[in-house]
N, C-alpha and C. Protein backbone atom coordinates (compact mmCIF):
# COMPACT_ATOMS: atom_id res chain seq x y z
N MET A 1 0.84 -1.18 0.00
CA MET A 1 0.00 0.00 0.00
C MET A 1 0.89 1.25 0.00
N SER A 2 0.71 2.09 -1.00
CA SER A 2 1.48 3.33 -1.05
C SER A 2 0.61 4.49 -0.54
N VAL A 3 1.23 5.40 0.13
CA VAL A 3 0.52 6.54 0.72
C VAL A 3 0.48 7.67 -0.30
N ASP A 4 -0.68 8.29 -0.45
CA ASP A 4 -0.86 9.41 -1.36
C ASP A 4 -0.45 10.71 -0.66
N TRP A 5 0.87 10.92 -0.56
CA TRP A 5 1.38 12.10 0.14
C TRP A 5 0.94 13.39 -0.53
N VAL A 6 0.88 13.39 -1.86
CA VAL A 6 0.45 14.60 -2.59
C VAL A 6 -1.00 14.92 -2.24
N GLY A 7 -1.83 13.90 -2.16
CA GLY A 7 -3.24 14.10 -1.80
C GLY A 7 -3.41 14.65 -0.40
N TYR A 8 -2.63 14.10 0.54
CA TYR A 8 -2.71 14.60 1.92
C TYR A 8 -2.19 16.04 2.02
N ALA A 9 -1.12 16.35 1.29
CA ALA A 9 -0.60 17.72 1.29
C ALA A 9 -1.63 18.69 0.71
N TYR A 10 -2.32 18.26 -0.34
CA TYR A 10 -3.38 19.07 -0.94
C TYR A 10 -4.50 19.30 0.07
N ALA A 11 -4.88 18.27 0.81
CA ALA A 11 -5.94 18.40 1.81
C ALA A 11 -5.54 19.41 2.89
N VAL A 12 -4.29 19.35 3.32
CA VAL A 12 -3.80 20.30 4.33
C VAL A 12 -3.80 21.72 3.76
N LEU A 13 -3.39 21.87 2.50
CA LEU A 13 -3.39 23.18 1.86
C LEU A 13 -4.80 23.77 1.81
N VAL A 14 -5.76 22.96 1.43
CA VAL A 14 -7.14 23.44 1.33
C VAL A 14 -7.68 23.83 2.71
N ALA A 15 -7.49 22.96 3.69
CA ALA A 15 -8.00 23.25 5.03
C ALA A 15 -7.31 24.46 5.65
N SER A 16 -5.99 24.55 5.48
CA SER A 16 -5.27 25.69 6.05
C SER A 16 -5.66 26.99 5.34
N GLY A 17 -6.00 26.92 4.08
CA GLY A 17 -6.48 28.12 3.38
C GLY A 17 -7.76 28.66 3.98
N GLY A 18 -8.65 27.76 4.36
CA GLY A 18 -9.88 28.18 5.03
C GLY A 18 -9.61 28.81 6.38
N VAL A 19 -8.69 28.22 7.13
CA VAL A 19 -8.34 28.76 8.45
C VAL A 19 -7.69 30.12 8.31
N ILE A 20 -6.78 30.26 7.35
CA ILE A 20 -6.11 31.55 7.13
C ILE A 20 -7.13 32.61 6.70
N GLY A 21 -8.08 32.24 5.85
CA GLY A 21 -9.13 33.17 5.44
C GLY A 21 -9.94 33.66 6.63
N TYR A 22 -10.18 32.76 7.57
CA TYR A 22 -10.92 33.15 8.77
C TYR A 22 -10.09 34.06 9.67
N VAL A 23 -8.83 33.71 9.86
CA VAL A 23 -7.97 34.49 10.75
C VAL A 23 -7.72 35.89 10.19
N LYS A 24 -7.44 35.98 8.89
CA LYS A 24 -7.10 37.28 8.30
C LYS A 24 -8.31 38.18 8.08
N ALA A 25 -9.42 37.58 7.61
CA ALA A 25 -10.56 38.40 7.23
C ALA A 25 -11.81 38.14 8.07
N GLY A 26 -11.73 37.19 9.00
CA GLY A 26 -12.91 36.87 9.80
C GLY A 26 -14.00 36.20 8.99
N SER A 27 -13.63 35.55 7.90
CA SER A 27 -14.59 34.96 6.98
C SER A 27 -14.99 33.56 7.43
N VAL A 28 -16.18 33.45 8.01
CA VAL A 28 -16.69 32.16 8.43
C VAL A 28 -16.96 31.25 7.22
N PRO A 29 -17.50 31.78 6.09
CA PRO A 29 -17.67 30.90 4.93
C PRO A 29 -16.35 30.31 4.42
N SER A 30 -15.27 31.08 4.48
CA SER A 30 -13.96 30.54 4.08
C SER A 30 -13.54 29.40 5.00
N LEU A 31 -13.74 29.59 6.30
CA LEU A 31 -13.40 28.55 7.26
C LEU A 31 -14.22 27.29 7.01
N ALA A 32 -15.52 27.45 6.85
CA ALA A 32 -16.40 26.30 6.64
C ALA A 32 -16.06 25.57 5.34
N ALA A 33 -15.89 26.33 4.26
CA ALA A 33 -15.58 25.71 2.97
C ALA A 33 -14.21 25.05 2.99
N GLY A 34 -13.24 25.71 3.59
CA GLY A 34 -11.89 25.15 3.67
C GLY A 34 -11.86 23.85 4.44
N LEU A 35 -12.55 23.82 5.59
CA LEU A 35 -12.57 22.60 6.39
C LEU A 35 -13.38 21.49 5.73
N LEU A 36 -14.49 21.85 5.08
CA LEU A 36 -15.31 20.86 4.39
C LEU A 36 -14.55 20.24 3.22
N PHE A 37 -14.03 21.10 2.33
CA PHE A 37 -13.31 20.59 1.16
C PHE A 37 -11.99 19.94 1.57
N GLY A 38 -11.33 20.45 2.60
CA GLY A 38 -10.12 19.81 3.09
C GLY A 38 -10.40 18.42 3.63
N SER A 39 -11.54 18.26 4.30
CA SER A 39 -11.93 16.94 4.80
C SER A 39 -12.20 15.97 3.66
N PHE A 40 -12.92 16.44 2.64
CA PHE A 40 -13.17 15.59 1.49
C PHE A 40 -11.87 15.23 0.77
N ALA A 41 -10.97 16.19 0.66
CA ALA A 41 -9.68 15.90 0.02
C ALA A 41 -8.89 14.89 0.84
N GLY A 42 -8.94 14.99 2.17
CA GLY A 42 -8.28 14.03 3.03
C GLY A 42 -8.88 12.64 2.91
N LEU A 43 -10.21 12.58 2.84
CA LEU A 43 -10.89 11.31 2.63
C LEU A 43 -10.48 10.70 1.28
N GLY A 44 -10.43 11.54 0.27
CA GLY A 44 -10.02 11.06 -1.05
C GLY A 44 -8.59 10.55 -1.04
N ALA A 45 -7.70 11.24 -0.35
CA ALA A 45 -6.31 10.79 -0.26
C ALA A 45 -6.22 9.46 0.47
N TYR A 46 -7.03 9.29 1.50
CA TYR A 46 -7.07 8.01 2.21
C TYR A 46 -7.54 6.88 1.28
N GLN A 47 -8.58 7.18 0.48
CA GLN A 47 -9.09 6.16 -0.44
C GLN A 47 -8.07 5.82 -1.52
N VAL A 48 -7.38 6.82 -2.04
CA VAL A 48 -6.35 6.57 -3.05
C VAL A 48 -5.19 5.78 -2.44
N SER A 49 -4.89 6.04 -1.19
CA SER A 49 -3.83 5.29 -0.51
C SER A 49 -4.22 3.82 -0.36
N SER A 50 -5.50 3.57 -0.10
CA SER A 50 -5.97 2.20 0.07
C SER A 50 -6.09 1.47 -1.26
N GLU A 51 -6.63 2.16 -2.26
CA GLU A 51 -6.83 1.59 -3.60
C GLU A 51 -6.49 2.67 -4.63
N PRO A 52 -5.34 2.58 -5.28
CA PRO A 52 -4.86 3.66 -6.15
C PRO A 52 -5.82 4.08 -7.27
N ARG A 53 -6.73 3.21 -7.68
CA ARG A 53 -7.65 3.60 -8.75
C ARG A 53 -8.96 4.16 -8.22
N ASN A 54 -9.12 4.26 -6.91
CA ASN A 54 -10.33 4.81 -6.30
C ASN A 54 -10.14 6.32 -6.11
N VAL A 55 -10.23 7.04 -7.21
CA VAL A 55 -9.90 8.47 -7.21
C VAL A 55 -11.13 9.38 -7.23
N TRP A 56 -12.31 8.82 -7.14
CA TRP A 56 -13.51 9.60 -7.44
C TRP A 56 -13.79 10.72 -6.44
N VAL A 57 -13.60 10.50 -5.16
CA VAL A 57 -13.84 11.57 -4.18
C VAL A 57 -12.80 12.68 -4.38
N SER A 58 -11.55 12.29 -4.55
CA SER A 58 -10.49 13.28 -4.78
C SER A 58 -10.73 14.05 -6.07
N LEU A 59 -11.13 13.34 -7.11
CA LEU A 59 -11.36 13.98 -8.40
C LEU A 59 -12.53 14.96 -8.33
N ALA A 60 -13.61 14.57 -7.67
CA ALA A 60 -14.76 15.47 -7.54
C ALA A 60 -14.40 16.71 -6.71
N THR A 61 -13.66 16.50 -5.63
CA THR A 61 -13.27 17.62 -4.77
C THR A 61 -12.36 18.59 -5.50
N SER A 62 -11.30 18.07 -6.10
CA SER A 62 -10.35 18.96 -6.79
C SER A 62 -10.99 19.56 -8.05
N GLY A 63 -11.87 18.83 -8.70
CA GLY A 63 -12.56 19.39 -9.86
C GLY A 63 -13.47 20.54 -9.49
N ALA A 64 -14.22 20.38 -8.39
CA ALA A 64 -15.09 21.46 -7.92
C ALA A 64 -14.28 22.68 -7.52
N LEU A 65 -13.17 22.46 -6.81
CA LEU A 65 -12.34 23.60 -6.41
C LEU A 65 -11.66 24.25 -7.61
N THR A 66 -11.31 23.48 -8.61
CA THR A 66 -10.74 24.07 -9.83
C THR A 66 -11.74 25.03 -10.45
N GLY A 67 -12.99 24.59 -10.56
CA GLY A 67 -14.02 25.44 -11.15
C GLY A 67 -14.31 26.68 -10.34
N VAL A 68 -14.56 26.51 -9.06
CA VAL A 68 -14.94 27.64 -8.19
C VAL A 68 -13.79 28.65 -8.06
N MET A 69 -12.60 28.14 -7.72
CA MET A 69 -11.48 29.05 -7.52
C MET A 69 -10.95 29.59 -8.85
N GLY A 70 -11.07 28.82 -9.91
CA GLY A 70 -10.69 29.32 -11.23
C GLY A 70 -11.56 30.50 -11.65
N LYS A 71 -12.86 30.41 -11.37
CA LYS A 71 -13.78 31.51 -11.67
C LYS A 71 -13.43 32.75 -10.84
N ARG A 72 -13.14 32.53 -9.57
CA ARG A 72 -12.76 33.66 -8.71
C ARG A 72 -11.46 34.31 -9.18
N PHE A 73 -10.51 33.48 -9.59
CA PHE A 73 -9.24 34.01 -10.09
C PHE A 73 -9.46 34.79 -11.38
N TYR A 74 -10.29 34.27 -12.25
CA TYR A 74 -10.58 34.94 -13.52
C TYR A 74 -11.21 36.31 -13.27
N GLU A 75 -12.11 36.37 -12.30
CA GLU A 75 -12.79 37.64 -12.02
C GLU A 75 -11.91 38.63 -11.26
N SER A 76 -11.09 38.15 -10.33
CA SER A 76 -10.31 39.07 -9.49
C SER A 76 -8.89 39.31 -9.99
N ARG A 77 -8.33 38.35 -10.74
CA ARG A 77 -6.94 38.39 -11.21
C ARG A 77 -5.94 38.44 -10.05
N LYS A 78 -6.37 37.97 -8.87
CA LYS A 78 -5.48 37.93 -7.70
C LYS A 78 -5.00 36.50 -7.50
N PHE A 79 -3.68 36.35 -7.41
CA PHE A 79 -3.13 35.01 -7.25
C PHE A 79 -3.48 34.41 -5.90
N MET A 80 -3.44 35.22 -4.86
CA MET A 80 -3.75 34.72 -3.51
C MET A 80 -5.16 35.12 -3.14
N PRO A 81 -5.97 34.23 -2.72
CA PRO A 81 -5.78 32.79 -2.63
C PRO A 81 -6.33 32.04 -3.84
N ALA A 82 -7.14 32.74 -4.66
CA ALA A 82 -7.88 32.05 -5.72
C ALA A 82 -6.97 31.40 -6.76
N GLY A 83 -5.95 32.11 -7.20
CA GLY A 83 -5.06 31.56 -8.21
C GLY A 83 -4.26 30.37 -7.71
N LEU A 84 -3.79 30.46 -6.48
CA LEU A 84 -3.04 29.35 -5.89
C LEU A 84 -3.91 28.11 -5.78
N MET A 85 -5.12 28.27 -5.27
CA MET A 85 -6.01 27.12 -5.09
C MET A 85 -6.47 26.56 -6.43
N ALA A 86 -6.73 27.42 -7.39
CA ALA A 86 -7.13 26.94 -8.72
C ALA A 86 -5.99 26.16 -9.36
N GLY A 87 -4.76 26.66 -9.24
CA GLY A 87 -3.61 25.97 -9.82
C GLY A 87 -3.34 24.64 -9.14
N ALA A 88 -3.37 24.63 -7.81
CA ALA A 88 -3.14 23.38 -7.07
C ALA A 88 -4.24 22.36 -7.38
N SER A 89 -5.47 22.83 -7.48
CA SER A 89 -6.58 21.93 -7.78
C SER A 89 -6.48 21.37 -9.19
N LEU A 90 -6.07 22.21 -10.12
CA LEU A 90 -5.89 21.75 -11.49
C LEU A 90 -4.79 20.70 -11.59
N LEU A 91 -3.71 20.90 -10.85
CA LEU A 91 -2.64 19.90 -10.82
C LEU A 91 -3.15 18.58 -10.23
N MET A 92 -3.98 18.65 -9.21
CA MET A 92 -4.55 17.43 -8.63
C MET A 92 -5.46 16.72 -9.63
N VAL A 93 -6.25 17.47 -10.37
CA VAL A 93 -7.11 16.86 -11.39
C VAL A 93 -6.24 16.13 -12.41
N GLY A 94 -5.14 16.76 -12.82
CA GLY A 94 -4.23 16.11 -13.77
C GLY A 94 -3.61 14.85 -13.19
N LYS A 95 -3.15 14.92 -11.95
CA LYS A 95 -2.54 13.75 -11.30
C LYS A 95 -3.54 12.60 -11.20
N LEU A 96 -4.75 12.91 -10.80
CA LEU A 96 -5.77 11.87 -10.63
C LEU A 96 -6.23 11.31 -11.97
N SER A 97 -6.29 12.16 -12.98
CA SER A 97 -6.66 11.69 -14.32
C SER A 97 -5.61 10.73 -14.86
N LEU A 98 -4.36 11.03 -14.62
CA LEU A 98 -3.29 10.12 -15.04
C LEU A 98 -3.38 8.78 -14.31
N ALA A 99 -3.77 8.81 -13.04
CA ALA A 99 -3.92 7.57 -12.28
C ALA A 99 -5.03 6.70 -12.89
N LEU A 100 -6.06 7.34 -13.41
CA LEU A 100 -7.14 6.59 -14.04
C LEU A 100 -6.71 5.98 -15.37
N LEU A 101 -5.82 6.68 -16.08
CA LEU A 101 -5.40 6.21 -17.40
C LEU A 101 -4.36 5.09 -17.34
N LYS A 102 -3.71 4.93 -16.18
CA LYS A 102 -2.71 3.87 -16.05
C LYS A 102 -3.38 2.51 -16.14
N LYS A 103 -2.67 1.59 -16.79
CA LYS A 103 -3.18 0.23 -16.84
C LYS A 103 -2.97 -0.41 -15.47
N PRO A 104 -3.92 -1.23 -15.03
CA PRO A 104 -3.72 -1.89 -13.73
C PRO A 104 -2.54 -2.83 -13.77
N GLN A 105 -1.79 -2.84 -12.69
CA GLN A 105 -0.62 -3.72 -12.60
C GLN A 105 -1.05 -5.08 -12.08
N LYS A 106 -0.52 -6.11 -12.70
CA LYS A 106 -0.80 -7.46 -12.22
C LYS A 106 0.15 -7.76 -11.07
N SER A 107 -0.39 -8.32 -10.02
CA SER A 107 0.46 -8.66 -8.89
C SER A 107 1.18 -9.97 -9.17
N VAL A 108 2.43 -9.99 -8.83
CA VAL A 108 3.26 -11.16 -9.05
C VAL A 108 3.47 -11.81 -7.68
N GLU A 109 2.96 -13.01 -7.55
CA GLU A 109 3.10 -13.70 -6.26
C GLU A 109 3.71 -15.05 -6.43
């Protein structure tokens, strides 16, 4: 079993972004969204760690964040936080899509 360190790091990034949004601006919606999406990203990383082709929760989470934060970045043209989150989410979508395209490995016993 290999651990999805990239997925866990992404989950921490998402959750910490929500906490930072709350601390800096007092934004409760940022805190709630960051913790919710960070939790889903953590769950997805756990599932990918258990079964590398079980990417659906991670893919849905990072896909949703790519869309939402990409739209915010497009409208505001500010890299922090929208551009950073859109870019990180897009990279996760790419990573997970590649995991789906890989042929399953046969176990040699």
